[in-house]
């Protein structure tokens, strides 16, 4: 009996020691350095970063030292930012938008620093990953792939008689190539006229908007194009005054005055991107083996002020859009989501 009691006591002691070991292990804090580079000061992209920060801040027993930089569409500045991240031994880099992610991947090929991209519309087409399921190399991330046909359907749901559609984008942005090609194919099959208008900076985009108005186009389509997004504040009023609805690939466009923004929830995309960061740094997973995060593009965000300025009835628009998206959400004008 004494032997049995001693055995039980020994087992309890060992169990307590194991429990304490686990508790200590769980209580240990880890620290990682993360470099985030944003392409441009853009409501959607800023929202992504804010939610990356928020989500990482919720994680227990780990600290993230986050350095955030913005290259503001300047590729030489972008390169220097990434060089500084490498020199400062960042544990991981986050590239927000396609151009940043591409340069990060190129500049980390030899040093193996993991890269997580955010809001890359076509990571396979851009050559970042071998496939969405198995990226390969040192990179994975989140995609804001745009269902272009869905946006086209919204145009004709609101105005079945639309005959001339403007395609407004920056021809140098890789993210715009696939959706613009898809829009051309859709409109060609529908036998609807279209014309391309491009700009590489705010001044050129504003001039393109003037040309759209002068040409009497019935509607404008812009994909998730960061150049046009940066210029939206300078063109939304003139398009609305001309009664030309602007259909776009993100809710941030609608926030800044476009008629419709159709696409992903960028707040959720940011949080999911943060989870990818944690999988790599905290759980030790190989980024090349983590599937790219993709999202449902079923939300149409309508700027109610612009809707009224154009001459549409919001309730009627909600009914018309109903068959083509999961939900329709109203939004009012603001320069950033923090101002709502």
Protein backbone atom coordinates (compact mmCIF):
# COMPACT_ATOMS: atom_id res chain seq x y z
CA UNK A 1 0.00 0.00 0.00
CA UNK A 2 2.88 2.37 0.91
CA UNK A 3 4.52 1.56 -2.41
CA UNK A 4 1.28 2.38 -4.21
CA UNK A 5 0.94 5.70 -2.36
CA UNK A 6 4.53 6.61 -3.23
CA UNK A 7 3.86 5.76 -6.87
CA UNK A 8 0.72 7.93 -6.92
CA UNK A 9 2.59 10.79 -5.27
CA UNK A 10 5.39 10.49 -7.82
CA UNK A 11 2.88 10.55 -10.69
CA UNK A 12 1.16 13.63 -9.25
CA UNK A 13 4.52 15.38 -8.79
CA UNK A 14 5.53 14.64 -12.37
CA UNK A 15 2.15 15.82 -13.65
CA UNK A 16 2.48 19.07 -11.70
CA UNK A 17 6.01 19.59 -13.04
CA UNK A 18 4.79 19.03 -16.60
CA UNK A 19 1.92 21.47 -16.06
CA UNK A 20 4.34 24.10 -14.77
CA UNK A 21 6.63 23.53 -17.73
CA UNK A 22 3.75 23.98 -20.16
CA UNK A 23 2.59 27.07 -18.30
CA UNK A 24 6.06 28.59 -18.45
CA UNK A 25 6.35 27.75 -22.13
CA UNK A 26 3.02 29.38 -22.83
CA UNK A 27 4.02 32.42 -20.81
CA UNK A 28 7.28 33.00 -22.69
CA UNK A 29 7.12 35.92 -25.06
CA UNK A 30 8.57 35.82 -28.52
CA UNK A 31 9.48 38.93 -30.48
CA UNK A 32 9.62 39.42 -34.24
CA UNK A 33 10.51 42.35 -36.47
CA UNK A 34 8.16 43.00 -39.40
CA UNK A 35 8.63 45.51 -42.20
CA UNK A 36 5.47 46.68 -43.99
CA UNK A 37 5.71 48.69 -47.20
CA UNK A 38 2.58 50.30 -48.60
CA UNK A 39 2.35 51.32 -52.25
CA UNK A 40 0.39 54.53 -51.79
CA UNK A 41 -1.77 56.47 -49.34
CA UNK A 42 -5.06 54.79 -50.25
CA UNK A 43 -8.13 54.21 -48.08
CA UNK A 44 -8.32 50.47 -48.85
CA UNK A 45 -4.59 49.83 -48.46
CA UNK A 46 -4.44 51.88 -45.26
CA UNK A 47 -7.36 49.85 -43.95
CA UNK A 48 -5.45 46.64 -44.64
CA UNK A 49 -2.45 47.79 -42.64
CA UNK A 50 -4.56 49.06 -39.75
CA UNK A 51 -6.20 45.65 -39.48
CA UNK A 52 -2.90 43.79 -39.76
CA UNK A 53 -1.67 45.82 -36.80
CA UNK A 54 -4.88 45.28 -34.84
CA UNK A 55 -4.94 41.53 -35.41
CA UNK A 56 -1.27 41.02 -34.54
CA UNK A 57 -1.80 43.10 -31.41
CA UNK A 58 -4.48 40.64 -30.25
CA UNK A 59 -2.07 37.69 -30.22
CA UNK A 60 -0.85 36.63 -26.79
CA UNK A 61 2.68 35.74 -25.66
CA UNK A 62 4.26 37.26 -28.76
CA UNK A 63 5.41 40.77 -29.62
CA UNK A 64 5.60 42.23 -33.10
CA UNK A 65 7.92 45.15 -33.73
CA UNK A 66 6.27 46.63 -36.82
CA UNK A 67 7.90 49.23 -39.03
CA UNK A 68 5.55 50.75 -41.57
CA UNK A 69 6.72 52.68 -44.63
CA UNK A 70 4.94 54.15 -47.67
CA UNK A 71 6.75 54.62 -50.99
CA UNK A 72 3.91 56.70 -52.51
CA UNK A 73 4.24 55.13 -55.96
CA UNK A 74 7.97 55.98 -56.13
CA UNK A 75 9.84 52.82 -57.16
CA UNK A 76 13.27 54.13 -56.18
CA UNK A 77 11.93 54.90 -52.69
CA UNK A 78 10.29 51.46 -52.61
CA UNK A 79 13.61 49.79 -53.38
CA UNK A 80 15.40 51.76 -50.66
CA UNK A 81 12.73 50.88 -48.10
CA UNK A 82 13.15 47.18 -48.86
CA UNK A 83 16.95 47.47 -48.73
CA UNK A 84 16.63 49.04 -45.29
CA UNK A 85 14.34 46.22 -44.15
CA UNK A 86 16.93 43.68 -45.29
CA UNK A 87 19.81 45.57 -43.64
CA UNK A 88 17.86 45.73 -40.38
CA UNK A 89 17.30 41.96 -40.37
CA UNK A 90 13.53 41.96 -40.53
CA UNK A 91 12.08 38.54 -39.74
CA UNK A 92 9.37 39.01 -42.36
CA UNK A 93 8.22 41.62 -44.86
CA UNK A 94 4.68 42.50 -45.90
CA UNK A 95 4.19 43.98 -49.36
CA UNK A 96 0.90 45.84 -49.78
CA UNK A 97 -0.20 45.82 -53.45
CA UNK A 98 1.33 44.10 -56.47
CA UNK A 99 4.35 46.30 -57.27
CA UNK A 100 5.66 46.21 -53.70
CA UNK A 101 5.19 42.46 -53.39
CA UNK A 102 7.02 41.91 -56.68
CA UNK A 103 10.04 43.94 -55.66
CA UNK A 104 10.14 42.32 -52.23
CA UNK A 105 10.13 38.87 -53.76
CA UNK A 106 12.93 39.75 -56.18
CA UNK A 107 15.08 41.30 -53.46
CA UNK A 108 14.66 38.40 -51.00
CA UNK A 109 15.37 35.52 -53.37
CA UNK A 110 18.92 35.10 -52.03
CA UNK A 111 18.43 35.87 -48.35
CA UNK A 112 15.31 33.81 -47.70
CA UNK A 113 13.37 36.46 -45.75
CA UNK A 114 9.71 35.40 -45.95
CA UNK A 115 7.34 37.72 -47.78
CA UNK A 116 3.59 38.02 -47.23
CA UNK A 117 1.74 40.02 -49.85
CA UNK A 118 -1.59 41.76 -49.35
CA UNK A 119 -4.15 42.81 -51.98
CA UNK A 120 -2.43 41.26 -55.00
CA UNK A 121 -5.15 40.77 -57.60
CA UNK A 122 -3.47 38.08 -59.70
CA UNK A 123 -0.53 36.48 -57.83
CA UNK A 124 -0.26 33.61 -60.34
CA UNK A 125 -0.36 35.89 -63.39
CA UNK A 126 2.17 38.22 -61.78
CA UNK A 127 4.51 35.26 -61.34
CA UNK A 128 4.68 35.50 -57.55
CA UNK A 129 3.36 31.98 -56.88
CA UNK A 130 3.25 28.70 -58.76
CA UNK A 131 -0.38 28.20 -57.74
CA UNK A 132 -2.82 29.57 -55.17
CA UNK A 133 -2.77 26.24 -53.32
CA UNK A 134 1.03 25.81 -53.24
CA UNK A 135 2.85 29.13 -53.73
CA UNK A 136 6.41 27.77 -53.61
CA UNK A 137 9.53 29.79 -52.73
CA UNK A 138 9.44 32.22 -49.78
CA UNK A 139 6.10 33.91 -50.42
CA UNK A 140 2.38 33.69 -49.79
CA UNK A 141 -0.34 36.21 -49.08
CA UNK A 142 -3.85 37.48 -49.70
CA UNK A 143 -5.52 38.21 -53.04
CA UNK A 144 -8.22 40.75 -53.81
CA UNK A 145 -9.06 39.12 -57.15
CA UNK A 146 -11.84 41.03 -58.89
CA UNK A 147 -14.78 39.32 -60.61
CA UNK A 148 -14.93 41.72 -63.56
CA UNK A 149 -18.04 40.18 -65.09
CA UNK A 150 -19.93 40.84 -61.87
CA UNK A 151 -19.09 44.54 -62.09
CA UNK A 152 -20.12 44.60 -65.75
CA UNK A 153 -23.46 43.08 -64.79
CA UNK A 154 -24.02 45.89 -62.28
CA UNK A 155 -23.49 48.49 -65.01
CA UNK A 156 -26.27 47.05 -67.14
CA UNK A 157 -28.50 46.30 -64.16
CA UNK A 158 -28.53 50.03 -63.40
CA UNK A 159 -28.73 51.10 -67.05
CA UNK A 160 -29.77 48.38 -69.52
CA UNK A 161 -29.44 50.90 -72.38
CA UNK A 162 -25.77 51.75 -71.76
CA UNK A 163 -23.97 51.77 -75.13
CA UNK A 164 -20.57 53.36 -74.45
CA UNK A 165 -18.38 52.23 -71.56
CA UNK A 166 -15.13 53.92 -70.54
CA UNK A 167 -12.28 51.80 -69.18
CA UNK A 168 -10.21 54.01 -66.89
CA UNK A 169 -6.91 52.63 -65.53
CA UNK A 170 -3.14 52.91 -65.40
CA UNK A 171 -1.69 50.73 -68.15
CA UNK A 172 1.52 50.29 -66.12
CA UNK A 173 -0.26 48.58 -63.23
CA UNK A 174 -0.03 44.78 -63.51
CA UNK A 175 -3.12 44.38 -61.33
CA UNK A 176 -5.26 46.13 -63.95
CA UNK A 177 -4.23 44.04 -66.95
CA UNK A 178 -6.41 40.95 -66.38
CA UNK A 179 -9.64 42.76 -65.36
CA UNK A 180 -9.37 45.22 -68.25
CA UNK A 181 -8.90 42.32 -70.67
CA UNK A 182 -11.93 40.61 -69.11
CA UNK A 183 -14.01 43.79 -69.43
CA UNK A 184 -13.12 44.10 -73.12
CA UNK A 185 -14.13 40.49 -73.73
CA UNK A 186 -17.43 40.94 -71.87
CA UNK A 187 -18.34 44.14 -73.72
CA UNK A 188 -17.32 42.73 -77.10
CA UNK A 189 -19.58 39.71 -76.62
CA UNK A 190 -22.39 42.04 -75.55
CA UNK A 191 -21.71 44.21 -78.61
CA UNK A 192 -21.28 47.34 -76.50
CA UNK A 193 -18.77 50.04 -77.47
CA UNK A 194 -15.87 50.74 -75.14
CA UNK A 195 -12.94 53.11 -75.09
CA UNK A 196 -9.78 53.05 -73.00
CA UNK A 197 -8.62 56.05 -70.98
CA UNK A 198 -5.36 55.85 -69.07
CA UNK A 199 -3.32 57.94 -66.66
CA UNK A 200 -0.18 57.39 -64.62
CA UNK A 201 -0.67 60.22 -62.12
CA UNK A 202 -3.43 62.43 -60.70
CA UNK A 203 -3.08 65.08 -63.40
CA UNK A 204 -3.32 62.55 -66.23
CA UNK A 205 -6.26 60.76 -64.60
CA UNK A 206 -8.09 64.07 -64.20
CA UNK A 207 -7.49 64.81 -67.89
CA UNK A 208 -8.77 61.33 -68.77
CA UNK A 209 -11.96 62.03 -66.78
CA UNK A 210 -12.43 65.24 -68.75
CA UNK A 211 -12.11 63.25 -71.97
CA UNK A 212 -14.66 60.70 -70.75
CA UNK A 213 -17.13 63.49 -70.10
CA UNK A 214 -16.43 65.15 -73.45
CA UNK A 215 -16.99 61.81 -75.21
CA UNK A 216 -20.37 61.36 -73.51
CA UNK A 217 -19.66 57.89 -72.11
CA UNK A 218 -22.51 56.15 -70.29
CA UNK A 219 -20.43 54.61 -67.49
CA UNK A 220 -16.84 54.16 -66.34
CA UNK A 221 -15.15 50.96 -65.15
CA UNK A 222 -11.95 50.91 -63.09
CA UNK A 223 -10.51 47.71 -61.54
CA UNK A 224 -8.46 47.64 -58.31
CA UNK A 225 -6.10 50.23 -59.78
CA UNK A 226 -4.11 52.13 -57.16
CA UNK A 227 -3.29 55.06 -59.43
CA UNK A 228 -6.96 55.77 -60.14
CA UNK A 229 -7.78 55.22 -56.47
CA UNK A 230 -5.25 57.89 -55.52
CA UNK A 231 -6.92 60.27 -58.00
CA UNK A 232 -10.56 59.51 -57.14
CA UNK A 233 -10.91 62.58 -54.94
CA UNK A 234 -10.04 64.76 -57.93
CA UNK A 235 -12.49 63.20 -60.40
CA UNK A 236 -15.58 62.00 -58.56
CA UNK A 237 -17.40 65.34 -58.53
CA UNK A 238 -16.96 66.04 -62.23
CA UNK A 239 -18.15 62.54 -63.17
CA UNK A 240 -21.18 62.83 -60.88
CA UNK A 241 -22.06 66.26 -62.27
CA UNK A 242 -21.90 64.79 -65.77
CA UNK A 243 -24.27 61.99 -64.62
CA UNK A 244 -21.65 59.34 -65.44
CA UNK A 245 -21.51 56.52 -62.85
CA UNK A 246 -18.07 55.22 -61.92
CA UNK A 247 -17.96 51.47 -61.20
CA UNK A 248 -14.82 50.36 -59.41
CA UNK A 249 -13.04 47.39 -57.85
CA UNK A 250 -12.93 48.40 -54.18
CA UNK A 251 -15.14 50.02 -51.54
CA UNK A 252 -12.51 52.72 -50.95
CA UNK A 253 -13.36 54.21 -54.36
CA UNK A 254 -16.99 54.55 -53.24
CA UNK A 255 -15.83 56.05 -49.96
CA UNK A 256 -13.97 58.70 -51.98
CA UNK A 257 -16.95 59.48 -54.21
CA UNK A 258 -17.25 56.82 -56.92
CA UNK A 259 -20.76 55.51 -57.51
CA UNK A 260 -19.97 51.83 -56.81
CA UNK A 261 -17.10 49.92 -55.25
CA UNK A 262 -17.41 46.17 -55.74
CA UNK A 263 -15.02 43.72 -54.13
CA UNK A 264 -13.56 42.25 -51.00
CA UNK A 265 -13.81 43.40 -47.39
CA UNK A 266 -10.36 44.94 -46.97
CA UNK A 267 -10.63 45.02 -43.18
CA UNK A 268 -11.08 41.24 -43.17
CA UNK A 269 -8.33 40.85 -45.78
CA UNK A 270 -5.96 42.67 -43.40
CA UNK A 271 -6.81 40.39 -40.51
CA UNK A 272 -6.41 37.28 -42.63
CA UNK A 273 -3.05 38.58 -43.85
CA UNK A 274 -1.96 39.00 -40.23
CA UNK A 275 -2.90 35.37 -39.57
CA UNK A 276 -0.58 34.34 -42.41
CA UNK A 277 2.21 36.33 -40.77
CA UNK A 278 1.60 34.51 -37.50
CA UNK A 279 1.55 31.10 -39.19
CA UNK A 280 5.02 31.77 -40.57
CA UNK A 281 6.68 33.49 -37.61
CA UNK A 282 4.93 31.96 -34.60
CA UNK A 283 4.06 28.50 -35.90
CA UNK A 284 7.15 28.14 -38.06
CA UNK A 285 5.33 27.20 -41.25
CA UNK A 286 6.94 27.43 -44.68
CA UNK A 287 5.31 30.31 -46.62
CA UNK A 288 5.68 28.38 -49.88
CA UNK A 289 3.38 25.70 -48.49
CA UNK A 290 0.64 28.02 -47.17
CA UNK A 291 -2.23 28.57 -49.66
CA UNK A 292 -2.95 32.11 -50.80
CA UNK A 293 -6.00 33.61 -49.08
CA UNK A 294 -8.84 34.43 -51.45
CA UNK A 295 -12.18 36.06 -50.66
CA UNK A 296 -15.74 36.32 -51.88
CA UNK A 297 -16.23 39.40 -54.09
CA UNK A 298 -19.95 39.65 -53.50
CA UNK A 299 -20.39 43.09 -51.89
CA UNK A 300 -21.41 46.21 -53.81
CA UNK A 301 -20.80 49.41 -51.85
CA UNK A 302 -22.85 52.34 -53.15
CA UNK A 303 -22.08 55.96 -52.35
CA UNK A 304 -25.56 57.28 -51.62
CA UNK A 305 -24.59 60.93 -52.17
CA UNK A 306 -23.13 60.21 -55.60
CA UNK A 307 -26.08 57.96 -56.38
CA UNK A 308 -28.45 60.88 -55.81
CA UNK A 309 -26.23 63.31 -57.72
CA UNK A 310 -26.27 61.06 -60.77
CA UNK A 311 -30.06 60.78 -60.58
CA UNK A 312 -30.47 57.20 -59.39
CA UNK A 313 -32.83 56.14 -56.61
CA UNK A 314 -30.84 54.16 -54.04
CA UNK A 315 -33.67 51.75 -53.20
CA UNK A 316 -34.14 50.97 -56.89
CA UNK A 317 -30.40 50.41 -57.29
CA UNK A 318 -30.45 47.94 -54.39
CA UNK A 319 -33.21 45.98 -56.14
CA UNK A 320 -31.45 46.08 -59.49
CA UNK A 321 -28.12 44.92 -58.03
CA UNK A 322 -29.73 42.20 -55.88
CA UNK A 323 -29.39 39.29 -58.34
CA UNK A 324 -25.72 40.05 -59.02
CA UNK A 325 -24.14 40.31 -55.58
CA UNK A 326 -24.47 38.91 -52.09
CA UNK A 327 -25.21 42.29 -50.52
CA UNK A 328 -25.45 46.00 -51.27
CA UNK A 329 -24.11 48.41 -48.65
CA UNK A 330 -24.54 52.19 -48.49
CA UNK A 331 -21.66 54.51 -47.75
CA UNK A 332 -21.27 58.28 -47.57
CA UNK A 333 -18.32 60.35 -48.67
CA UNK A 334 -15.16 60.50 -46.56
CA UNK A 335 -11.45 60.69 -47.30
CA UNK A 336 -10.66 57.69 -45.10
CA UNK A 337 -12.55 54.97 -43.26
CA UNK A 338 -11.40 56.50 -39.97
CA UNK A 339 -13.55 59.53 -40.76
CA UNK A 340 -16.80 57.55 -40.91
